[in-house]
Protein backbone atom coordinates (compact mmCIF):
# COMPACT_ATOMS: atom_id res chain seq x y z
CA MET A 1 69.91 77.68 -7.83
CA MET A 2 70.92 76.84 -11.38
CA PHE A 3 71.34 73.24 -12.46
CA SER A 4 72.29 72.00 -15.90
CA VAL A 5 72.16 68.62 -17.60
CA ASP A 6 73.78 67.62 -20.88
CA ILE A 7 74.03 63.85 -21.25
CA SER A 8 74.04 61.03 -23.78
CA GLN A 9 73.38 57.44 -22.85
CA ARG A 10 72.55 54.25 -24.72
CA LEU A 11 69.95 52.12 -22.90
CA GLY A 12 69.43 49.00 -24.99
CA GLU A 13 67.68 50.16 -28.14
CA PHE A 14 66.89 53.53 -26.58
CA GLN A 15 69.17 56.53 -27.12
CA LEU A 16 69.04 59.35 -24.57
CA ASP A 17 70.37 62.74 -25.72
CA VAL A 18 69.13 65.44 -23.34
CA ALA A 19 70.39 68.95 -22.64
CA PHE A 20 68.65 71.62 -20.55
CA GLU A 21 69.23 74.03 -17.67
CA SER A 22 66.93 75.67 -15.19
CA ALA A 23 66.93 77.99 -12.20
CA ALA A 24 63.19 77.60 -11.55
CA ALA A 25 61.74 76.61 -8.18
CA VAL A 26 59.97 73.65 -9.81
CA THR A 27 61.09 72.23 -13.13
CA ALA A 28 58.97 69.48 -14.68
CA LEU A 29 60.28 66.75 -16.94
CA PHE A 30 57.13 66.06 -18.89
CA GLY A 31 56.35 63.55 -21.58
CA ARG A 32 54.71 60.26 -22.37
CA SER A 33 55.79 56.97 -20.83
CA GLY A 34 59.07 55.85 -22.37
CA ALA A 35 60.21 59.39 -23.24
CA GLY A 36 63.29 59.09 -21.01
CA LYS A 37 62.21 61.08 -17.94
CA THR A 38 63.24 58.59 -15.26
CA SER A 39 66.48 57.85 -17.12
CA VAL A 40 67.41 61.53 -16.82
CA ILE A 41 66.87 61.78 -13.07
CA ASN A 42 68.60 58.45 -12.47
CA ALA A 43 71.64 59.95 -14.20
CA ILE A 44 71.39 63.09 -12.04
CA ALA A 45 71.15 60.97 -8.89
CA GLY A 46 74.15 58.88 -9.94
CA ILE A 47 72.17 55.64 -10.20
CA THR A 48 73.27 55.30 -13.82
CA ARG A 49 76.39 56.59 -15.54
CA PRO A 50 75.94 58.31 -18.92
CA GLU A 51 78.57 57.63 -21.57
CA ARG A 52 79.01 61.33 -22.29
CA GLY A 53 78.03 64.61 -20.72
CA ARG A 54 78.11 66.99 -17.80
CA ILE A 55 75.79 67.50 -14.82
CA GLU A 56 76.18 70.52 -12.56
CA ILE A 57 74.09 71.73 -9.61
CA GLY A 58 74.70 75.10 -7.98
CA GLY A 59 78.29 75.24 -9.22
CA GLN A 60 79.09 71.66 -8.11
CA VAL A 61 80.05 69.35 -10.97
CA LEU A 62 78.50 65.93 -10.37
CA MET A 63 79.61 64.44 -13.64
CA ASP A 64 81.90 65.49 -16.47
CA SER A 65 82.93 62.79 -18.89
CA ALA A 66 85.62 65.00 -20.43
CA SER A 67 87.32 65.45 -17.05
CA ARG A 68 86.47 61.93 -15.85
CA ILE A 69 84.47 63.25 -12.92
CA PHE A 70 81.72 61.04 -11.51
CA ALA A 71 80.60 61.88 -7.98
CA LYS A 72 79.32 58.99 -5.87
CA PRO A 73 75.52 59.03 -5.37
CA GLU A 74 75.86 59.49 -1.59
CA SER A 75 78.03 62.60 -2.03
CA ARG A 76 75.71 64.39 -4.46
CA ARG A 77 73.35 65.87 -1.83
CA ILE A 78 70.27 64.94 -3.86
CA GLY A 79 66.94 63.93 -2.37
CA TYR A 80 65.08 61.30 -4.39
CA VAL A 81 61.39 60.45 -3.89
CA PHE A 82 60.33 57.40 -5.87
CA GLN A 83 56.91 56.67 -7.29
CA ASP A 84 56.01 54.18 -4.54
CA GLY A 85 57.93 55.85 -1.71
CA MET A 86 60.50 53.02 -1.32
CA LEU A 87 60.47 53.18 2.47
CA PHE A 88 62.47 50.67 4.48
CA PRO A 89 59.77 48.18 5.60
CA HIS A 90 61.68 47.03 8.72
CA LEU A 91 61.99 50.60 10.06
CA ASP A 92 59.24 52.73 11.55
CA VAL A 93 58.63 56.28 10.34
CA ARG A 94 61.17 57.65 12.82
CA GLY A 95 63.83 55.26 11.54
CA ASN A 96 63.12 56.13 7.91
CA LEU A 97 63.37 59.85 8.65
CA GLU A 98 66.57 59.46 10.64
CA TYR A 99 68.12 57.60 7.71
CA GLY A 100 67.71 60.77 5.64
CA GLN A 101 69.50 62.83 8.31
CA ARG A 102 72.38 60.35 8.66
CA ARG A 103 73.17 60.59 4.94
CA THR A 104 74.37 64.17 5.31
CA PRO A 105 77.43 65.47 7.19
CA GLN A 106 76.43 67.36 10.32
CA ASP A 107 77.91 70.66 9.13
CA ALA A 108 75.84 70.46 5.93
CA HIS A 109 72.45 70.21 7.69
CA TYR A 110 70.18 73.17 7.04
CA VAL A 111 66.69 71.65 7.21
CA ASP A 112 64.99 71.82 10.61
CA PRO A 113 63.48 68.38 11.47
CA ALA A 114 60.74 69.95 13.58
CA LYS A 115 59.67 72.07 10.63
CA VAL A 116 59.53 69.03 8.35
CA LEU A 117 57.43 67.08 10.85
CA ALA A 118 55.02 69.98 11.26
CA LEU A 119 54.74 70.82 7.58
CA LEU A 120 54.13 67.23 6.47
CA GLY A 121 52.04 66.25 9.49
CA LEU A 122 54.30 63.34 10.46
CA ALA A 123 54.51 63.68 14.25
CA ARG A 124 51.62 61.30 14.94
CA LEU A 125 53.01 58.66 12.57
CA MET A 126 56.50 58.29 14.06
CA ASP A 127 56.03 54.81 15.59
CA ARG A 128 54.22 53.24 12.63
CA LYS A 129 55.75 50.84 10.13
CA PRO A 130 55.23 51.53 6.39
CA ALA A 131 52.79 48.60 6.13
CA HIS A 132 50.40 50.51 8.42
CA LEU A 133 50.46 53.76 6.44
CA SER A 134 48.14 54.90 3.65
CA GLY A 135 49.57 55.66 0.22
CA GLY A 136 49.52 59.40 0.89
CA GLU A 137 51.17 58.94 4.30
CA ARG A 138 53.95 56.84 2.77
CA GLN A 139 54.66 59.53 0.20
CA ARG A 140 54.77 62.21 2.89
CA VAL A 141 57.29 60.15 4.85
CA ALA A 142 59.35 59.61 1.68
CA ILE A 143 59.36 63.36 1.03
CA GLY A 144 60.32 64.01 4.66
CA ARG A 145 63.18 61.51 4.47
CA ALA A 146 64.51 63.19 1.32
CA LEU A 147 64.21 66.68 2.89
CA LEU A 148 66.04 65.68 6.05
CA ALA A 149 69.08 64.85 3.93
CA SER A 150 69.31 68.66 3.39
CA PRO A 151 69.50 68.22 -0.39
CA LYS A 152 70.66 70.73 -2.97
CA LEU A 153 68.04 69.34 -5.38
CA LEU A 154 64.88 67.31 -4.78
CA LEU A 155 63.92 64.72 -7.42
CA LEU A 156 60.27 63.64 -7.48
CA ASP A 157 59.66 60.70 -9.81
CA GLU A 158 55.92 60.42 -10.52
CA PRO A 159 55.12 60.95 -6.80
CA LEU A 160 51.34 60.87 -7.39
CA ALA A 161 51.08 58.03 -9.89
CA SER A 162 50.03 55.34 -7.41
CA LEU A 163 47.58 57.50 -5.42
CA ASP A 164 43.84 57.94 -5.66
CA SER A 165 42.29 61.32 -6.44
CA MET A 166 41.96 62.42 -2.80
CA ARG A 167 45.55 61.48 -1.93
CA LYS A 168 46.85 63.16 -5.10
CA SER A 169 45.22 66.42 -4.10
CA GLU A 170 46.71 66.09 -0.60
CA ILE A 171 50.27 65.52 -1.88
CA LEU A 172 49.92 68.31 -4.46
CA ASN A 173 49.18 70.67 -1.58
CA TYR A 174 52.23 69.44 0.32
CA ILE A 175 54.51 69.90 -2.70
CA GLU A 176 53.27 73.48 -3.03
CA LEU A 177 54.14 74.02 0.63
CA LEU A 178 57.61 72.54 0.11
CA ARG A 179 58.22 74.84 -2.83
CA ASP A 180 57.25 77.90 -0.82
CA GLU A 181 58.74 77.00 2.59
CA PHE A 182 62.08 75.31 1.89
CA ARG A 183 63.19 76.95 -1.37
CA ILE A 184 64.85 73.71 -2.48
CA PRO A 185 64.88 73.36 -6.28
CA ILE A 186 62.55 70.56 -7.35
CA LEU A 187 62.79 68.46 -10.49
CA LEU A 188 59.40 66.79 -10.96
CA VAL A 189 58.92 63.87 -13.33
CA SER A 190 55.35 63.51 -14.55
CA HIS A 191 53.22 62.59 -17.53
CA ALA A 192 50.11 64.21 -15.97
CA VAL A 193 49.16 67.60 -17.39
CA GLU A 194 47.30 68.56 -14.21
CA GLU A 195 50.39 68.11 -12.03
CA VAL A 196 52.75 69.93 -14.38
CA THR A 197 50.53 72.94 -15.01
CA ARG A 198 49.74 73.34 -11.32
CA LEU A 199 53.26 72.97 -9.90
CA ALA A 200 55.92 73.75 -12.49
CA ASP A 201 57.58 77.07 -13.28
CA GLN A 202 59.56 75.54 -16.15
CA VAL A 203 58.65 72.57 -18.33
CA VAL A 204 61.12 70.40 -20.22
CA LEU A 205 59.13 68.33 -22.70
CA LEU A 206 60.80 65.04 -23.61
CA SER A 207 60.04 62.86 -26.60
CA GLU A 208 61.94 59.72 -27.59
CA GLY A 209 64.94 60.62 -25.45
CA ARG A 210 65.30 64.22 -26.62
CA VAL A 211 64.12 67.67 -25.54
CA ALA A 212 61.22 68.67 -27.78
CA ALA A 213 60.53 72.01 -26.08
CA GLN A 214 61.32 74.02 -22.94
CA GLY A 215 59.63 77.03 -21.42
CA SER A 216 56.95 78.10 -18.96
CA PRO A 217 53.93 75.80 -18.61
CA ALA A 218 51.81 78.35 -20.47
CA GLU A 219 54.28 78.48 -23.37
CA VAL A 220 54.76 74.74 -23.74
CA MET A 221 51.21 73.57 -23.05
CA GLY A 222 49.75 76.32 -25.21
CA ARG A 223 51.64 75.45 -28.39
CA LEU A 224 49.27 73.92 -30.92
CA ASP A 225 52.09 72.13 -32.75
CA LEU A 226 52.99 70.13 -29.62
CA GLY A 227 49.53 68.58 -29.27
CA PRO A 228 50.67 65.02 -30.10
CA LEU A 229 53.26 65.22 -27.29
CA THR A 230 51.39 67.16 -24.60
CA GLY A 231 48.12 65.28 -25.01
CA ARG A 232 45.30 66.81 -26.96
CA TYR A 233 42.50 65.76 -24.61
CA GLU A 234 43.96 67.64 -21.62
CA ARG A 235 45.40 70.54 -23.61
CA GLY A 236 44.65 73.93 -22.14
CA ALA A 237 45.92 77.30 -20.97
CA ILE A 238 47.31 78.54 -17.68
CA ILE A 239 46.40 81.93 -16.24
CA GLU A 240 48.13 83.66 -13.32
CA ALA A 241 45.51 85.51 -11.27
CA LEU A 242 44.86 87.19 -7.93
CA VAL A 243 42.09 86.29 -5.48
CA ALA A 244 39.82 89.35 -5.44
CA ASP A 245 37.06 88.26 -3.06
CA HIS A 246 34.83 85.40 -1.93
CA ASP A 247 31.07 85.11 -2.39
CA THR A 248 29.95 83.29 0.76
CA LEU A 249 26.31 83.17 -0.37
CA TYR A 250 27.06 81.11 -3.49
CA ASP A 251 30.37 79.60 -2.31
CA LEU A 252 32.40 81.12 -5.15
CA SER A 253 35.72 82.93 -5.42
CA ARG A 254 36.44 85.78 -7.84
CA LEU A 255 39.84 85.88 -9.50
CA VAL A 256 41.21 88.80 -11.50
CA PHE A 257 43.89 88.82 -14.18
CA ALA A 258 45.00 91.08 -17.01
CA GLY A 259 42.33 89.73 -19.36
CA GLY A 260 39.36 90.05 -17.03
CA GLU A 261 38.02 88.03 -14.14
CA LEU A 262 36.94 84.47 -13.43
CA LEU A 263 34.42 83.02 -11.01
CA VAL A 264 35.42 79.60 -9.65
CA PRO A 265 34.09 77.32 -6.92
CA HIS A 266 35.38 78.55 -3.55
CA ILE A 267 39.11 78.13 -2.99
CA ASP A 268 40.79 78.26 0.40
CA ALA A 269 42.96 81.30 -0.25
CA LEU A 270 43.42 84.77 1.17
CA ILE A 271 42.33 87.85 -0.75
CA GLY A 272 45.33 89.09 -2.71
CA GLU A 273 47.00 85.66 -2.97
CA ARG A 274 48.37 84.62 -6.35
CA VAL A 275 46.92 81.50 -7.91
CA ARG A 276 47.39 79.58 -11.12
CA VAL A 277 44.30 78.49 -13.06
CA ARG A 278 44.30 75.75 -15.68
CA ILE A 279 41.52 76.18 -18.24
CA ARG A 280 41.12 73.17 -20.52
CA ALA A 281 40.46 73.85 -24.18
CA ARG A 282 37.46 71.52 -24.14
CA ASP A 283 35.83 73.71 -21.46
CA VAL A 284 35.94 76.88 -23.58
CA SER A 285 33.19 77.83 -26.05
CA LEU A 286 33.24 80.75 -28.51
CA ALA A 287 30.73 83.41 -29.55
CA LEU A 288 30.93 86.30 -32.04
CA SER A 289 28.89 88.57 -29.76
CA ARG A 290 28.50 88.76 -26.00
CA PRO A 291 25.71 86.32 -25.11
CA ALA A 292 22.88 87.31 -22.81
CA ASP A 293 20.63 85.22 -20.57
CA VAL A 294 23.01 82.27 -20.35
CA SER A 295 24.13 80.26 -17.34
CA VAL A 296 27.83 80.68 -18.15
CA THR A 297 29.25 83.34 -15.81
CA ASN A 298 32.77 83.67 -17.24
CA ILE A 299 32.67 85.61 -20.51
CA LEU A 300 36.04 86.97 -21.65
CA GLU A 301 36.79 89.31 -24.53
CA ALA A 302 39.59 87.88 -26.66
CA GLU A 303 41.26 87.90 -30.04
CA VAL A 304 42.00 84.87 -32.21
CA ALA A 305 45.76 84.36 -32.53
CA GLU A 306 45.95 80.99 -34.27
CA VAL A 307 43.70 78.26 -35.66
CA SER A 308 44.98 74.69 -35.69
CA SER A 309 45.46 73.10 -39.10
CA GLU A 310 45.27 69.53 -37.77
CA PRO A 311 42.91 67.36 -39.81
CA GLY A 312 39.72 65.95 -38.36
CA PRO A 313 36.40 67.23 -37.02
CA VAL A 314 37.89 69.07 -34.03
CA THR A 315 39.94 72.27 -34.14
CA ASP A 316 41.91 74.06 -31.43
CA VAL A 317 41.88 77.86 -31.44
CA ARG A 318 44.50 79.92 -29.60
CA LEU A 319 43.24 83.22 -28.15
CA THR A 320 44.79 86.19 -26.39
CA ALA A 321 42.92 88.01 -23.63
CA GLY A 322 44.67 91.01 -22.10
CA GLY A 323 48.09 89.45 -22.48
CA SER A 324 46.97 86.04 -21.27
CA MET A 325 46.54 83.06 -23.55
CA LEU A 326 43.50 80.80 -23.83
CA LEU A 327 42.72 77.74 -25.90
CA ALA A 328 39.31 76.72 -27.16
CA ARG A 329 38.32 73.41 -28.74
CA VAL A 330 35.46 73.58 -31.22
CA THR A 331 34.33 71.67 -34.29
CA ARG A 332 35.81 72.51 -37.67
CA GLN A 333 32.26 73.16 -38.80
CA SER A 334 31.97 75.92 -36.16
CA VAL A 335 35.24 77.47 -37.33
CA ASP A 336 33.90 77.72 -40.89
CA ARG A 337 30.38 78.76 -39.87
CA LEU A 338 31.58 81.57 -37.58
CA GLY A 339 34.46 82.58 -39.81
CA ILE A 340 36.99 82.12 -37.01
CA ARG A 341 40.40 83.37 -38.18
CA PRO A 342 43.45 85.15 -36.72
CA GLY A 343 42.70 88.75 -35.74
CA LEU A 344 38.98 88.18 -35.13
CA ARG A 345 37.55 89.72 -31.93
CA ILE A 346 35.55 87.09 -30.11
CA PHE A 347 34.10 86.08 -26.73
CA ALA A 348 35.36 83.05 -24.80
CA LEU A 349 32.86 81.33 -22.49
CA VAL A 350 34.13 79.28 -19.54
CA LYS A 351 31.77 77.48 -17.14
CA ALA A 352 32.70 78.17 -13.53
CA ILE A 353 32.09 74.56 -12.50
CA SER A 354 34.75 73.37 -14.96
CA LEU A 355 37.37 75.16 -12.82
CA ASP A 356 37.30 72.77 -9.88
CA ARG A 357 39.82 72.35 -7.06
CA HIS A 358 42.09 70.33 -9.35
CA SER A 359 42.30 73.28 -11.74
CA VAL A 360 43.41 75.97 -9.28
CA GLY A 361 46.71 75.94 -7.40
CA PHE A 362 48.90 78.48 -5.65
CA ALA A 363 51.41 80.28 -7.85
């Protein structure tokens, strides 16, 4: 389903001027705190009213300043999951979920409650109040409540920000299931590279209230010129691969892609399943010849496409490997010593243990 946003809004000293459209299963609004991400989804939800613009979802116009159209929030058929869940504290889980159902006219219901309960594992929580739920459980209930409103679009505003590492991984898995099972377009707000690269099909990068770039996660996160906005420390590449087999003796999984193959710690996936692998630039080393007798198991043949011109002791190098893109972070001294330049054939070394469970998700 296509949705489009083109809005302008003055928020104190902050000016929001954002225009983008997407038909992706998961679109991420990505950027640093204060970039305007939450302001955009609040406008989509009807919580705020932009001074100018147009918002359309699946052919339904939610707002058009030129035609003086402004649909009420309750009529927009949008599910909204806030950062802290925002459950009603006086209602148990059942009551919170039923609230989501009551928001939608009966003839517009298309989400099966039993399927939501099963998928999110909520059946055993139905009689509990929010105060007696863990952070991950509260977010699952919040997602379930939003789904049971049978939305045309699901807004997720930093849904993992308040969770610990274990709960984040749990909710990431659930969001992947939602994407695959319900086919509801998702607009995810996040400033975390890990979440965006694992979940998103399209990325809209915001900076100071404007769209700085839009494209696939690989395109946006791989651009060297966007380093100040995407975060240099977590910068990396994304590779789409297939699960080839599992090594039960060493607890590893072998993934294949156009540029070669990767060994990673075992992932719970079927042979032939598509996965998405995030390889951080800081986990990639370079060599002019194929090394022998080293512990690194992932050695990929590549070609240098671009060398960053940013000042300082560290340099990012963009590589191509069989149609896939990689990034490597090395010292400027190494660039000069090895003569690294565009067009050079080179070997990229990636330690298998750097590709942990947080780096591999289902495509």
